Amino acid sequence: MSWAALLGLLAGLLLLLLLLSRRRVRRPGEPPLDPGSIPWLGHALEFGRDAASFLTRMKEKHGDVFTVLVGGRYVTVLLDPHSYDMVVWEPRTRLDFHTYAIFLMERIFDVQLPHFNPSEEKAKMKPTLMHKDLQALTEAMYTNLHTILLGDPTDVGSGWHETGLLDFAYNSLLRAGYLTLYGVEASPRTHESQAQDRTHSADVFHTFRQLDLLLPKLARGSLSVGDKDHACSIKGRLWKLLSPARLATRADQSSWLESYLQHLEEMGVSEEMQARALVLQLWATQGNMGPTAFWLLLFLLKNPEALAAVRAEFEHILWRSEQPLSQMTTLPQKFLDSMPVLDSALNESLRLTAAPFITREVMVDLALPMADGREFSLRRGDRLLLFPFLSPQKDPEIYIEPEVFKYDRFLNPDGSEKKDFYKDGKRLKNYNMPWGAGHNQCLGRSYAVNSIKQFVILLLMHFELELSSTDTEFPEFDLSRYGFGLMQPEHDVPIRYRIRQ
């Protein structure tokens, strides 16, 4: 190497070091600034290791609004639930949630859509998850859950079966959800076609689950060389399983799938990219239901009083029903809407385990008004982050003993839904936010809730389910899952089950 080249390299390294070590200065009116001690990285290592603990520490140090440096990006964190509406309803020209969503879509699922507009897509898909279409999805989900859980007597048998609770819940719900949205082998159904549905959906689930386990590393770009090869192989397999050509042969496809494929075709998306988008949608529509059911069932199994209350509520509804349970081909929506105890238990479980990040890119220099009258200046190019898991969901000012599962926390004394929660003496609008909020609230919330409730009801109706050991402890969270929706456990929980005799 020549002296000139060496000197040029050294000069470049010195310039890089100067850029990395250059400190941002807090301007008047901006939130407290904590860049950390490591140039460029800032707090990235702490944030990636355990986001909840890190943000809790920062809140104790700086209050409910602060800016931190994370991997070259300045992130302003807002933890005042009274002020969340100031963010989630802001127009995209000021606070944009599309940019980050598109970045993750490309990094995790290799999806690139021409002229992609998430808001436009949501507007087109919303009708397929409401009213008559929602009723059709709910009825199909009940049938498919029945196929997966009870369809094969040689699988369920009469004796006890041992498995992990997460695998059991995730497996059942994702497979039934896949059949509901993406179609079944034949219509009308036969024993042979249902057996094929069980086999095919099992293949989809086990392949998808391998990708799901890699998702946090995919999102952070931290895969090892071996993991990258494994991820490519898994994705290739899923793209084949969910290719439009293969799905075209399936019966009873949902109106959601038909509308989504039409939307992709109108954008001029190739069949190969359509398959990738369908894998993304499988995760978006099904990826959180299994973990949600896992935590709900675990809380119920660990709390006999809660389980007894949920069971008594369902038995009372059945007793009032004009139609015997054995004759029901679906659970009527009025049944699902008349279970405040189960609703409360589900909301409490979600309060304790749902930990999505709500992010916005700051598009222009702007003033962020707070509910208490304060105002903070935000810089163009920064990121704004809300983390409802810390507040409101785990906030001791809002919930007594916030770490404790109380199945009736969301019930009034008269049995109706409790909606009045307070912080700083003021009633909260946003007191539990597992489904997001504002412009990017989950469209499939009703479908997901109906599916989870049907799954729990089918288990109570047809199965005996218990923990393998009475000494079973609650598993710790897999801390890498913060920000991606429902938390998953560090390890599965052994259970055993059998068909009720």
Protein backbone atom coordinates (compact mmCIF):
# COMPACT_ATOMS: atom_id res chain seq x y z
CA MET A 1 0.00 0.00 0.00
CA SER A 2 1.41 3.44 -0.91
CA TRP A 3 2.04 6.13 1.69
CA ALA A 4 -0.63 8.31 0.08
CA ALA A 5 -3.23 5.53 0.33
CA LEU A 6 -2.24 4.80 3.94
CA LEU A 7 -2.50 8.46 4.88
CA GLY A 8 -5.86 8.65 3.16
CA LEU A 9 -7.10 5.62 5.11
CA LEU A 10 -5.89 7.10 8.40
CA ALA A 11 -7.54 10.43 7.59
CA GLY A 12 -10.79 8.62 6.83
CA LEU A 13 -10.64 6.72 10.14
CA LEU A 14 -9.93 9.94 12.05
CA LEU A 15 -12.87 11.64 10.36
CA LEU A 16 -15.10 8.69 11.21
CA LEU A 17 -14.01 8.81 14.85
CA LEU A 18 -14.70 12.53 14.98
CA LEU A 19 -18.17 12.03 13.54
CA LEU A 20 -18.92 9.19 15.93
CA SER A 21 -17.69 11.09 18.94
CA ARG A 22 -19.53 14.31 18.07
CA ARG A 23 -22.15 14.88 20.71
CA ARG A 24 -25.63 16.19 20.09
CA VAL A 25 -26.47 19.20 22.25
CA ARG A 26 -29.89 19.54 23.83
CA ARG A 27 -31.69 22.64 22.60
CA PRO A 28 -34.08 24.74 24.70
CA GLY A 29 -37.52 23.13 24.82
CA GLU A 30 -36.31 19.62 23.92
CA PRO A 31 -36.78 16.57 26.17
CA PRO A 32 -33.92 15.47 28.46
CA LEU A 33 -31.13 13.98 26.33
CA ASP A 34 -29.22 10.83 27.32
CA PRO A 35 -26.82 9.74 24.54
CA GLY A 36 -25.06 7.05 26.60
CA SER A 37 -21.31 6.59 26.85
CA ILE A 38 -20.56 4.73 23.60
CA PRO A 39 -20.24 6.85 20.42
CA TRP A 40 -22.94 6.11 17.81
CA LEU A 41 -24.16 2.97 19.62
CA GLY A 42 -25.36 4.94 22.63
CA HIS A 43 -27.74 2.71 24.60
CA ALA A 44 -28.24 0.14 21.82
CA LEU A 45 -26.81 -2.77 23.81
CA GLU A 46 -28.94 -2.08 26.89
CA PHE A 47 -32.04 -1.43 24.81
CA GLY A 48 -31.58 -4.64 22.83
CA ARG A 49 -30.84 -6.71 25.94
CA ASP A 50 -33.95 -5.72 27.93
CA ALA A 51 -35.95 -2.78 26.58
CA ALA A 52 -38.45 -2.71 29.45
CA SER A 53 -35.83 -2.54 32.19
CA PHE A 54 -33.78 0.04 30.30
CA LEU A 55 -36.78 2.32 29.63
CA THR A 56 -37.92 1.94 33.24
CA ARG A 57 -34.51 3.14 34.42
CA MET A 58 -34.56 6.05 31.98
CA LYS A 59 -38.05 7.05 33.17
CA GLU A 60 -36.89 7.04 36.78
CA LYS A 61 -33.94 9.22 35.79
CA HIS A 62 -35.57 11.66 33.35
CA GLY A 63 -39.35 11.50 33.73
CA ASP A 64 -41.98 10.41 31.20
CA VAL A 65 -40.39 12.12 28.16
CA PHE A 66 -36.71 11.75 27.18
CA THR A 67 -34.45 11.24 24.18
CA VAL A 68 -31.86 8.46 23.94
CA LEU A 69 -29.30 7.48 21.32
CA VAL A 70 -29.81 3.93 20.02
CA GLY A 71 -27.59 2.66 17.21
CA GLY A 72 -27.10 6.01 15.51
CA ARG A 73 -30.75 7.07 15.87
CA TYR A 74 -32.10 9.54 18.39
CA VAL A 75 -35.31 8.15 19.85
CA THR A 76 -37.67 10.26 21.93
CA VAL A 77 -39.64 8.06 24.33
CA LEU A 78 -43.07 9.14 25.58
CA LEU A 79 -44.51 7.26 28.58
CA ASP A 80 -47.45 9.49 29.58
CA PRO A 81 -50.66 7.68 28.53
CA HIS A 82 -52.69 10.89 28.87
CA SER A 83 -50.63 12.30 25.98
CA TYR A 84 -50.65 9.30 23.63
CA ASP A 85 -53.53 10.66 21.54
CA MET A 86 -51.36 13.66 20.71
CA VAL A 87 -49.16 11.18 18.81
CA VAL A 88 -51.30 8.35 17.42
CA TRP A 89 -53.72 10.64 15.55
CA GLU A 90 -51.13 13.03 14.11
CA PRO A 91 -51.13 13.15 10.29
CA ARG A 92 -48.40 11.32 8.40
CA THR A 93 -46.93 14.57 7.18
CA ARG A 94 -45.78 15.23 10.75
CA LEU A 95 -45.45 11.80 12.40
CA ASP A 96 -45.17 8.89 9.97
CA PHE A 97 -45.55 5.21 10.84
CA HIS A 98 -45.18 3.92 7.25
CA THR A 99 -41.40 4.30 6.93
CA TYR A 100 -40.48 1.98 9.78
CA ALA A 101 -43.18 -0.55 8.85
CA ILE A 102 -41.85 -0.75 5.28
CA PHE A 103 -38.29 -1.11 6.58
CA LEU A 104 -39.25 -4.10 8.76
CA MET A 105 -41.37 -5.59 5.97
CA GLU A 106 -38.36 -5.62 3.68
CA ARG A 107 -35.79 -6.72 6.28
CA ILE A 108 -37.79 -9.57 7.84
CA PHE A 109 -39.94 -10.87 4.99
CA ASP A 110 -38.07 -9.70 1.85
CA VAL A 111 -41.24 -7.97 0.65
CA GLN A 112 -40.99 -4.98 -1.68
CA LEU A 113 -44.26 -3.65 -3.05
CA PRO A 114 -44.44 -0.88 -5.69
CA HIS A 115 -46.07 2.35 -4.51
CA PHE A 116 -46.97 0.64 -1.23
CA ASN A 117 -49.24 2.67 1.03
CA PRO A 118 -50.12 0.92 4.34
CA SER A 119 -53.02 3.29 5.01
CA GLU A 120 -54.56 2.60 1.61
CA GLU A 121 -54.12 -1.14 2.11
CA LYS A 122 -55.79 -1.02 5.52
CA ALA A 123 -58.72 0.93 4.11
CA LYS A 124 -59.22 -1.74 1.43
CA MET A 125 -58.91 -4.68 3.84
CA LYS A 126 -60.97 -3.26 6.70
CA PRO A 127 -64.41 -4.24 5.28
CA THR A 128 -63.29 -7.89 4.98
CA LEU A 129 -62.82 -8.07 8.78
CA MET A 130 -66.16 -6.57 9.79
CA HIS A 131 -69.90 -7.32 9.88
CA LYS A 132 -70.95 -10.26 7.64
CA ASP A 133 -67.38 -11.06 6.67
CA LEU A 134 -66.37 -11.15 10.34
CA GLN A 135 -69.28 -13.50 11.05
CA ALA A 136 -68.14 -15.78 8.21
CA LEU A 137 -64.56 -15.78 9.55
CA THR A 138 -65.77 -16.57 13.08
CA GLU A 139 -67.91 -19.48 11.88
CA ALA A 140 -65.11 -20.86 9.71
CA MET A 141 -62.63 -20.54 12.58
CA TYR A 142 -64.89 -22.58 14.86
CA THR A 143 -65.18 -25.32 12.24
CA ASN A 144 -61.43 -25.36 11.64
CA LEU A 145 -60.58 -25.36 15.34
CA HIS A 146 -62.89 -28.35 15.65
CA THR A 147 -61.05 -30.03 12.75
CA ILE A 148 -57.64 -29.45 14.33
CA LEU A 149 -58.55 -30.24 17.94
CA LEU A 150 -61.16 -32.98 17.56
CA GLY A 151 -61.13 -34.13 13.95
CA ASP A 152 -58.83 -37.13 14.25
CA PRO A 153 -59.85 -39.57 17.02
CA THR A 154 -56.58 -41.51 16.59
CA ASP A 155 -54.67 -38.36 17.54
CA VAL A 156 -56.68 -37.36 20.59
CA GLY A 157 -57.60 -40.85 21.76
CA SER A 158 -58.91 -41.43 25.26
CA GLY A 159 -55.72 -41.26 27.30
CA TRP A 160 -53.55 -38.43 28.52
CA HIS A 161 -51.25 -36.63 26.08
CA GLU A 162 -48.25 -34.55 27.13
CA THR A 163 -47.00 -31.47 25.30
CA GLY A 164 -45.97 -27.88 25.84
CA LEU A 165 -48.72 -25.30 26.41
CA LEU A 166 -47.26 -22.76 23.98
CA ASP A 167 -46.84 -25.38 21.26
CA PHE A 168 -50.38 -26.65 21.87
CA ALA A 169 -52.00 -23.19 21.72
CA TYR A 170 -49.85 -21.78 18.91
CA ASN A 171 -50.16 -24.94 16.82
CA SER A 172 -53.94 -25.10 17.16
CA LEU A 173 -54.70 -21.44 16.51
CA LEU A 174 -52.27 -20.82 13.66
CA ARG A 175 -53.32 -23.96 11.78
CA ALA A 176 -57.03 -23.20 12.20
CA GLY A 177 -56.42 -19.55 11.30
CA TYR A 178 -54.49 -20.55 8.20
CA LEU A 179 -57.35 -22.79 7.02
CA THR A 180 -59.85 -20.01 7.79
CA LEU A 181 -58.09 -17.29 5.80
CA TYR A 182 -56.26 -19.23 3.10
CA GLY A 183 -58.79 -21.97 2.39
CA VAL A 184 -59.30 -25.72 2.87
CA GLU A 185 -58.68 -28.78 0.74
CA ALA A 186 -62.25 -29.32 -0.47
CA SER A 187 -65.84 -28.20 -0.10
CA PRO A 188 -67.99 -29.89 1.00
CA ARG A 189 -65.55 -31.37 3.46
CA THR A 190 -64.93 -35.08 3.79
CA HIS A 191 -62.97 -37.13 6.31
CA GLU A 192 -60.22 -37.46 3.72
CA SER A 193 -60.06 -33.73 2.93
CA GLN A 194 -60.02 -32.84 6.65
CA ALA A 195 -57.15 -35.26 7.18
CA GLN A 196 -55.30 -33.50 4.35
CA ASP A 197 -56.08 -30.13 5.97
CA ARG A 198 -54.55 -31.32 9.23
CA THR A 199 -51.42 -32.57 7.47
CA HIS A 200 -50.97 -29.51 5.29
CA SER A 201 -51.65 -26.99 8.08
CA ALA A 202 -49.18 -28.82 10.34
CA ASP A 203 -46.52 -28.40 7.64
CA VAL A 204 -47.33 -24.67 7.41
CA PHE A 205 -47.18 -24.22 11.18
CA HIS A 206 -43.91 -26.06 11.79
CA THR A 207 -42.21 -24.19 8.95
CA PHE A 208 -43.62 -20.85 10.06
CA ARG A 209 -42.60 -21.46 13.67
CA GLN A 210 -38.96 -21.84 12.63
CA LEU A 211 -39.12 -18.41 10.98
CA ASP A 212 -40.94 -16.93 13.97
CA LEU A 213 -38.12 -18.01 16.30
CA LEU A 214 -35.65 -16.05 14.15
CA LEU A 215 -37.83 -12.95 13.84
CA PRO A 216 -36.14 -10.73 16.49
CA LYS A 217 -32.71 -11.37 14.98
CA LEU A 218 -34.05 -10.79 11.47
CA ALA A 219 -35.50 -7.45 12.55
CA ARG A 220 -32.27 -6.34 14.19
CA GLY A 221 -30.01 -7.66 11.43
CA SER A 222 -28.09 -9.83 13.91
CA LEU A 223 -28.32 -13.27 12.26
CA SER A 224 -25.22 -15.42 12.17
CA VAL A 225 -24.07 -16.83 8.84
CA GLY A 226 -25.65 -20.17 9.71
CA ASP A 227 -28.90 -18.52 10.80
CA LYS A 228 -29.03 -16.55 7.53
CA ASP A 229 -28.82 -19.75 5.50
CA HIS A 230 -31.48 -21.34 7.70
CA ALA A 231 -33.76 -18.30 7.36
CA CYS A 232 -33.42 -18.32 3.57
CA SER A 233 -34.32 -22.00 3.45
CA ILE A 234 -37.36 -21.53 5.70
CA LYS A 235 -38.61 -18.55 3.71
CA GLY A 236 -38.24 -20.45 0.45
CA ARG A 237 -40.31 -23.29 1.86
CA LEU A 238 -43.03 -20.92 3.08
CA TRP A 239 -43.14 -19.09 -0.26
CA LYS A 240 -43.87 -22.41 -1.97
CA LEU A 241 -46.52 -23.39 0.58
CA LEU A 242 -48.30 -20.05 0.22
CA SER A 243 -47.77 -19.41 -3.49
CA PRO A 244 -50.82 -17.98 -5.29
CA ALA A 245 -50.79 -20.92 -7.72
CA ARG A 246 -50.99 -23.40 -4.86
CA LEU A 247 -53.63 -21.42 -2.99
CA ALA A 248 -55.76 -21.15 -6.15
CA THR A 249 -56.68 -24.84 -5.78
CA ARG A 250 -58.05 -24.40 -2.25
CA ALA A 251 -61.76 -24.10 -1.41
CA ASP A 252 -63.66 -21.74 0.90
CA GLN A 253 -61.07 -19.00 0.79
CA SER A 254 -61.91 -15.94 2.88
CA SER A 255 -63.05 -12.68 1.34
CA TRP A 256 -60.00 -11.19 3.08
CA LEU A 257 -57.65 -13.34 0.95
CA GLU A 258 -59.53 -12.65 -2.26
CA SER A 259 -59.45 -8.89 -1.62
CA TYR A 260 -55.77 -8.93 -0.65
CA LEU A 261 -54.71 -10.86 -3.76
CA GLN A 262 -56.78 -8.52 -5.93
CA HIS A 263 -55.06 -5.55 -4.24
CA LEU A 264 -51.62 -7.02 -5.00
CA GLU A 265 -52.55 -7.72 -8.62
CA GLU A 266 -53.81 -4.16 -9.07
CA MET A 267 -50.40 -2.94 -7.88
CA GLY A 268 -48.72 -5.14 -10.49
CA VAL A 269 -47.00 -7.38 -7.92
CA SER A 270 -45.39 -10.54 -9.34
CA GLU A 271 -46.54 -13.96 -8.16
CA GLU A 272 -43.21 -14.51 -6.42
CA MET A 273 -43.61 -11.28 -4.45
CA GLN A 274 -47.27 -12.11 -3.77
CA ALA A 275 -46.13 -15.31 -2.06
CA ARG A 276 -43.74 -13.32 0.12
CA ALA A 277 -46.51 -10.87 1.00
CA LEU A 278 -48.79 -13.76 1.96
CA VAL A 279 -46.15 -15.07 4.38
CA LEU A 280 -45.95 -11.59 5.90
CA GLN A 281 -49.74 -11.56 6.28
CA LEU A 282 -49.72 -15.01 7.90
CA TRP A 283 -47.48 -13.56 10.60
CA ALA A 284 -49.48 -10.32 10.86
CA THR A 285 -52.85 -12.09 11.21
CA GLN A 286 -51.86 -15.20 13.19
CA GLY A 287 -48.51 -14.56 14.87
CA ASN A 288 -49.87 -13.19 18.16
CA MET A 289 -52.97 -15.32 18.73
CA GLY A 290 -51.11 -18.44 19.84
CA PRO A 291 -48.93 -16.63 22.41
CA THR A 292 -52.03 -14.74 23.65
CA ALA A 293 -53.90 -17.99 24.24
CA PHE A 294 -50.82 -19.49 25.90
CA TRP A 295 -50.61 -16.76 28.55
CA LEU A 296 -54.38 -16.69 29.11
CA LEU A 297 -54.54 -20.46 29.64
CA LEU A 298 -51.48 -20.41 31.89
CA PHE A 299 -52.98 -17.68 34.08
CA LEU A 300 -56.25 -19.64 34.29
CA LEU A 301 -54.51 -22.93 35.10
CA LYS A 302 -52.48 -21.21 37.82
CA ASN A 303 -55.57 -19.48 39.25
CA PRO A 304 -58.32 -22.03 40.08
CA GLU A 305 -60.74 -19.26 41.13
CA ALA A 306 -60.38 -17.57 37.75
CA LEU A 307 -60.78 -20.86 35.83
CA ALA A 308 -63.88 -21.73 37.85
CA ALA A 309 -65.42 -18.30 37.18
CA VAL A 310 -64.82 -18.59 33.41
CA ARG A 311 -66.22 -22.12 33.35
CA ALA A 312 -69.30 -21.13 35.39
CA GLU A 313 -69.99 -18.22 33.03
CA PHE A 314 -69.88 -20.48 29.98
CA GLU A 315 -72.05 -23.16 31.61
CA HIS A 316 -74.62 -20.51 32.53
CA ILE A 317 -74.77 -19.32 28.90
CA LEU A 318 -75.24 -22.90 27.72
CA TRP A 319 -77.99 -23.46 30.27
CA ARG A 320 -79.87 -20.44 28.88
CA SER A 321 -79.36 -21.52 25.27
CA GLU A 322 -82.30 -22.71 23.20
CA GLN A 323 -80.06 -25.11 21.25
CA PRO A 324 -78.11 -28.02 22.79
CA LEU A 325 -74.34 -27.72 22.53
CA SER A 326 -74.09 -30.93 20.52
CA GLN A 327 -76.20 -29.38 17.75
CA MET A 328 -74.18 -26.18 17.43
CA THR A 329 -72.04 -25.89 14.32
CA THR A 330 -70.69 -22.56 15.54
CA LEU A 331 -70.83 -20.36 18.61
CA PRO A 332 -73.23 -17.49 17.95
CA GLN A 333 -71.74 -14.00 18.22
CA LYS A 334 -74.24 -13.18 20.97
CA PHE A 335 -72.60 -15.97 23.05
CA LEU A 336 -69.14 -14.58 22.47
CA ASP A 337 -70.34 -11.07 23.33
CA SER A 338 -71.96 -12.25 26.59
CA MET A 339 -68.87 -13.39 28.45
CA PRO A 340 -67.62 -10.44 30.53
CA VAL A 341 -65.63 -12.68 32.88
CA LEU A 342 -63.66 -14.26 30.03
CA ASP A 343 -63.28 -10.81 28.44
CA SER A 344 -61.84 -9.45 31.68
CA ALA A 345 -59.46 -12.39 32.08
CA LEU A 346 -58.29 -11.96 28.47
CA ASN A 347 -57.79 -8.20 28.89
CA GLU A 348 -55.85 -8.77 32.09
CA SER A 349 -53.65 -11.37 30.44
CA LEU A 350 -53.00 -8.98 27.54
CA ARG A 351 -52.22 -6.16 29.98
CA LEU A 352 -49.45 -8.28 31.48
CA THR A 353 -47.96 -9.72 28.28
CA ALA A 354 -48.60 -7.43 25.28
CA ALA A 355 -45.53 -5.27 24.67
CA PRO A 356 -45.57 -3.69 21.19
CA PHE A 357 -43.62 -0.55 20.33
CA ILE A 358 -45.70 2.21 18.77
CA THR A 359 -43.26 4.15 16.61
CA ARG A 360 -43.40 7.28 14.48
CA GLU A 361 -40.79 8.94 12.32
CA VAL A 362 -40.59 12.71 12.94
CA MET A 363 -41.02 14.24 9.48
CA VAL A 364 -40.67 17.92 10.40
CA ASP A 365 -39.44 19.92 13.37
CA LEU A 366 -42.51 20.11 15.57
CA ALA A 367 -43.81 20.87 19.04
CA LEU A 368 -45.31 17.93 20.95
CA PRO A 369 -48.06 19.16 23.31
CA MET A 370 -48.53 17.17 26.51
CA ALA A 371 -51.83 16.64 28.31
CA ASP A 372 -50.54 18.53 31.38
CA GLY A 373 -49.72 21.65 29.38
CA ARG A 374 -46.02 21.07 28.82
CA GLU A 375 -44.62 21.16 25.31
CA PHE A 376 -41.47 19.55 23.89
CA SER A 377 -39.66 20.21 20.63
CA LEU A 378 -38.95 17.23 18.37
CA ARG A 379 -36.35 17.24 15.60
CA ARG A 380 -36.95 16.14 12.05
CA GLY A 381 -35.27 12.78 11.42
CA ASP A 382 -35.68 11.49 14.98
CA ARG A 383 -37.94 8.62 15.98
CA LEU A 384 -40.78 8.83 18.52
CA LEU A 385 -41.57 5.75 20.60
CA LEU A 386 -44.53 4.91 22.85
CA PHE A 387 -44.29 1.82 25.06
CA PRO A 388 -47.72 1.17 26.64
CA PHE A 389 -46.39 -1.97 28.37
CA LEU A 390 -44.75 0.30 30.97
CA SER A 391 -47.54 2.87 31.13
CA PRO A 392 -50.44 2.40 31.30
CA GLN A 393 -50.29 -1.40 31.49
CA LYS A 394 -47.75 -1.90 34.30
CA ASP A 395 -48.17 1.50 35.94
CA PRO A 396 -48.73 1.24 39.75
CA GLU A 397 -50.49 4.62 39.71
CA ILE A 398 -53.17 3.09 37.49
CA TYR A 399 -53.34 -0.53 38.65
CA ILE A 400 -53.04 -1.84 42.19
CA GLU A 401 -50.41 -4.60 42.25
CA PRO A 402 -49.76 -4.25 38.51
CA GLU A 403 -47.59 -7.40 38.38
CA VAL A 404 -50.42 -9.62 39.71
CA PHE A 405 -53.00 -11.34 37.49
CA LYS A 406 -56.51 -10.45 38.68
CA TYR A 407 -59.09 -12.01 36.40
CA ASP A 408 -61.83 -9.57 37.49
CA ARG A 409 -59.72 -6.40 37.21
CA PHE A 410 -61.78 -5.23 34.23
CA LEU A 411 -65.16 -5.96 35.83
CA ASN A 412 -67.41 -3.61 37.79
CA PRO A 413 -69.20 -4.95 40.90
CA ASP A 414 -72.36 -5.43 38.81
CA GLY A 415 -70.50 -7.65 36.33
CA SER A 416 -70.28 -5.08 33.54
CA GLU A 417 -67.02 -4.10 31.83
CA LYS A 418 -64.90 -1.68 33.84
CA LYS A 419 -63.60 1.22 31.76
CA ASP A 420 -62.78 3.81 34.41
CA PHE A 421 -59.09 3.94 35.30
CA TYR A 422 -57.21 6.99 36.52
CA LYS A 423 -53.74 8.52 36.60
CA ASP A 424 -52.91 11.79 38.33
CA GLY A 425 -56.58 12.09 39.26
CA LYS A 426 -57.72 12.14 35.63
CA ARG A 427 -59.67 9.44 33.81
CA LEU A 428 -57.63 7.61 31.18
CA LYS A 429 -58.79 7.07 27.62
CA ASN A 430 -55.89 4.70 26.92
CA TYR A 431 -55.71 2.35 29.90
CA ASN A 432 -54.82 -0.90 28.10
CA MET A 433 -53.27 -0.90 24.61
CA PRO A 434 -52.45 -4.42 23.38
CA TRP A 435 -53.98 -3.67 19.97
CA GLY A 436 -52.11 -0.46 19.28
CA ALA A 437 -53.92 2.85 18.85
CA GLY A 438 -54.83 5.59 16.42
CA HIS A 439 -54.07 5.18 12.72
CA ASN A 440 -52.34 1.81 13.17
CA GLN A 441 -54.71 0.05 15.54
CA CYS A 442 -55.05 -3.66 14.74
CA LEU A 443 -57.78 -4.21 12.12
CA GLY A 444 -58.19 -7.86 13.02
CA ARG A 445 -58.90 -7.30 16.70
CA SER A 446 -62.48 -8.66 16.65
CA TYR A 447 -61.45 -11.69 14.59
CA ALA A 448 -58.55 -12.40 16.96
CA VAL A 449 -60.65 -12.03 20.11
CA ASN A 450 -63.41 -14.25 18.72
CA SER A 451 -60.84 -16.89 17.72
CA ILE A 452 -59.12 -16.96 21.10
CA LYS A 453 -62.42 -17.13 22.98
CA GLN A 454 -63.67 -19.98 20.76
CA PHE A 455 -60.41 -21.85 21.36
CA VAL A 456 -60.72 -21.50 25.14
CA ILE A 457 -64.39 -22.51 25.07
CA LEU A 458 -63.70 -25.61 22.96
CA LEU A 459 -61.02 -26.64 25.43
CA LEU A 460 -63.40 -26.19 28.39
CA MET A 461 -66.15 -28.09 26.56
CA HIS A 462 -64.18 -31.06 25.30
CA PHE A 463 -60.89 -31.41 27.19
CA GLU A 464 -59.42 -31.95 30.58
CA LEU A 465 -56.30 -29.78 30.67
CA GLU A 466 -53.81 -29.43 33.52
CA LEU A 467 -50.24 -28.48 34.27
CA SER A 468 -47.90 -31.46 34.37
CA SER A 469 -46.66 -30.31 37.78
CA THR A 470 -48.44 -28.30 40.47
CA ASP A 471 -45.09 -26.61 41.16
CA THR A 472 -44.88 -25.12 37.68
CA GLU A 473 -43.55 -21.55 37.79
CA PHE A 474 -44.32 -18.80 35.33
CA PRO A 475 -41.54 -18.73 32.72
CA GLU A 476 -39.55 -15.55 32.20
CA PHE A 477 -40.12 -13.53 29.05
CA ASP A 478 -37.93 -13.99 26.01
CA LEU A 479 -36.59 -10.44 26.29
CA SER A 480 -35.73 -10.25 22.58
CA ARG A 481 -39.49 -10.12 21.87
CA TYR A 482 -40.10 -6.64 23.28
CA GLY A 483 -41.59 -4.48 20.56
CA PHE A 484 -43.08 -7.27 18.42
CA GLY A 485 -46.51 -7.63 20.00
CA LEU A 486 -47.16 -10.48 22.43
CA MET A 487 -44.26 -11.61 24.53
CA GLN A 488 -43.25 -15.25 24.31
CA PRO A 489 -41.84 -17.34 27.17
CA GLU A 490 -38.18 -18.24 27.51
CA HIS A 491 -39.27 -21.88 27.61
CA ASP A 492 -42.49 -23.82 27.17
CA VAL A 493 -44.67 -25.05 30.05
CA PRO A 494 -45.40 -28.81 30.20
CA ILE A 495 -49.09 -29.76 30.29
CA ARG A 496 -51.19 -32.85 29.80
CA TYR A 497 -54.65 -33.14 28.29
CA ARG A 498 -57.29 -35.67 27.29
CA ILE A 499 -60.76 -35.74 25.81
CA ARG A 500 -63.54 -35.50 28.37
CA GLN A 501 -65.29 -38.82 28.80
